[in-house]
């Protein structure tokens, strides 16, 4: 089990009551602390991923953007497919 701490925060009462009510109805009030932990983990996770990606890409370095057309292996007609889809809805 991870080391836990008890903390206090100052937050808008209306916002807190709405959050607590929503968590309570969906997961039960015993899950309130876990839901808050999950929100914090998600926020930190996104920031860590962004930071790691920035380090990989290196600032001020532009990645080459090359788009090469791909020829389908089977002859297709986008117009024909769209027409068939539209007719199937009617």
Protein backbone atom coordinates (compact mmCIF):
# COMPACT_ATOMS: atom_id res chain seq x y z
CA UNK A 1 0.00 0.00 0.00
CA UNK A 2 1.26 3.45 -0.88
CA UNK A 3 2.11 5.95 1.78
CA UNK A 4 -0.93 8.16 2.37
CA UNK A 5 -1.29 11.69 3.73
CA UNK A 6 -4.27 13.64 4.94
CA UNK A 7 -4.57 17.10 3.44
CA UNK A 8 -7.02 19.95 3.38
CA UNK A 9 -7.95 22.27 0.54
CA UNK A 10 -10.04 25.39 0.16
CA UNK A 11 -12.60 24.99 -2.59
CA UNK A 12 -15.93 26.48 -3.60
CA UNK A 13 -18.62 24.81 -1.48
CA UNK A 14 -21.10 24.48 -4.36
CA UNK A 15 -18.48 22.89 -6.61
CA UNK A 16 -17.42 20.48 -3.85
CA UNK A 17 -20.98 19.43 -3.04
CA UNK A 18 -21.73 18.78 -6.73
CA UNK A 19 -18.52 16.73 -7.12
CA UNK A 20 -19.16 14.78 -3.92
CA UNK A 21 -22.76 14.11 -4.92
CA UNK A 22 -21.76 12.89 -8.38
CA UNK A 23 -19.00 10.60 -7.07
CA UNK A 24 -21.31 9.34 -4.31
CA UNK A 25 -24.07 8.41 -6.73
CA UNK A 26 -21.70 6.76 -9.23
CA UNK A 27 -19.12 5.04 -7.00
CA UNK A 28 -20.12 5.59 -3.37
CA UNK A 29 -18.68 8.12 -0.96
CA UNK A 30 -15.93 5.72 0.16
CA UNK A 31 -14.45 6.12 -3.33
CA UNK A 32 -14.17 9.91 -3.04
CA UNK A 33 -10.48 9.94 -2.10
CA UNK A 34 -9.62 7.45 -4.85
CA UNK A 35 -11.44 9.53 -7.48
CA UNK A 36 -9.48 12.62 -6.44
CA UNK A 37 -6.23 10.61 -6.65
CA UNK A 38 -7.19 9.48 -10.16
CA UNK A 39 -7.83 13.07 -11.27
CA UNK A 40 -4.43 14.15 -9.94
CA UNK A 41 -2.69 11.16 -11.55
CA UNK A 42 -4.30 11.94 -14.91
CA UNK A 43 -3.19 15.57 -14.74
CA UNK A 44 0.37 14.64 -13.79
CA UNK A 45 0.48 11.85 -16.40
CA UNK A 46 -0.46 14.23 -19.22
CA UNK A 47 2.20 16.70 -18.14
CA UNK A 48 4.86 13.99 -17.88
CA UNK A 49 4.03 12.68 -21.36
CA UNK A 50 4.15 16.19 -22.85
CA UNK A 51 7.48 16.89 -21.17
CA UNK A 52 8.97 13.60 -22.41
CA UNK A 53 7.76 14.22 -25.95
CA UNK A 54 9.20 17.75 -25.92
CA UNK A 55 12.57 16.34 -24.87
CA UNK A 56 12.45 13.76 -27.67
CA UNK A 57 11.54 16.29 -30.36
CA UNK A 58 14.03 18.91 -29.13
CA UNK A 59 12.90 22.53 -29.14
CA UNK A 60 13.21 24.51 -32.37
CA UNK A 61 13.79 21.39 -34.45
CA UNK A 62 11.24 20.86 -37.16
CA UNK A 63 10.33 17.35 -38.10
CA UNK A 64 10.13 16.67 -41.84
CA UNK A 65 6.58 16.35 -43.04
CA UNK A 66 6.38 14.20 -46.13
CA UNK A 67 3.12 12.90 -47.46
CA UNK A 68 3.34 10.30 -50.17
CA UNK A 69 0.27 9.25 -52.12
CA UNK A 70 -0.63 5.59 -51.82
CA UNK A 71 -2.16 3.77 -54.74
CA UNK A 72 -4.90 1.33 -53.71
CA UNK A 73 -4.24 -2.30 -54.56
CA UNK A 74 -7.87 -2.71 -55.67
CA UNK A 75 -9.53 -0.25 -58.04
CA UNK A 76 -12.12 1.76 -56.15
CA UNK A 77 -14.49 4.61 -56.81
CA UNK A 78 -15.23 6.89 -53.86
CA UNK A 79 -18.26 8.31 -55.69
CA UNK A 80 -19.74 4.85 -56.20
CA UNK A 81 -19.22 3.88 -52.55
CA UNK A 82 -20.76 7.12 -51.27
CA UNK A 83 -23.76 6.63 -53.59
CA UNK A 84 -24.25 3.06 -52.28
CA UNK A 85 -24.08 4.25 -48.67
CA UNK A 86 -26.63 6.99 -49.32
CA UNK A 87 -28.99 4.61 -51.10
CA UNK A 88 -28.78 2.09 -48.26
CA UNK A 89 -30.11 4.74 -45.82
CA UNK A 90 -33.21 5.40 -47.88
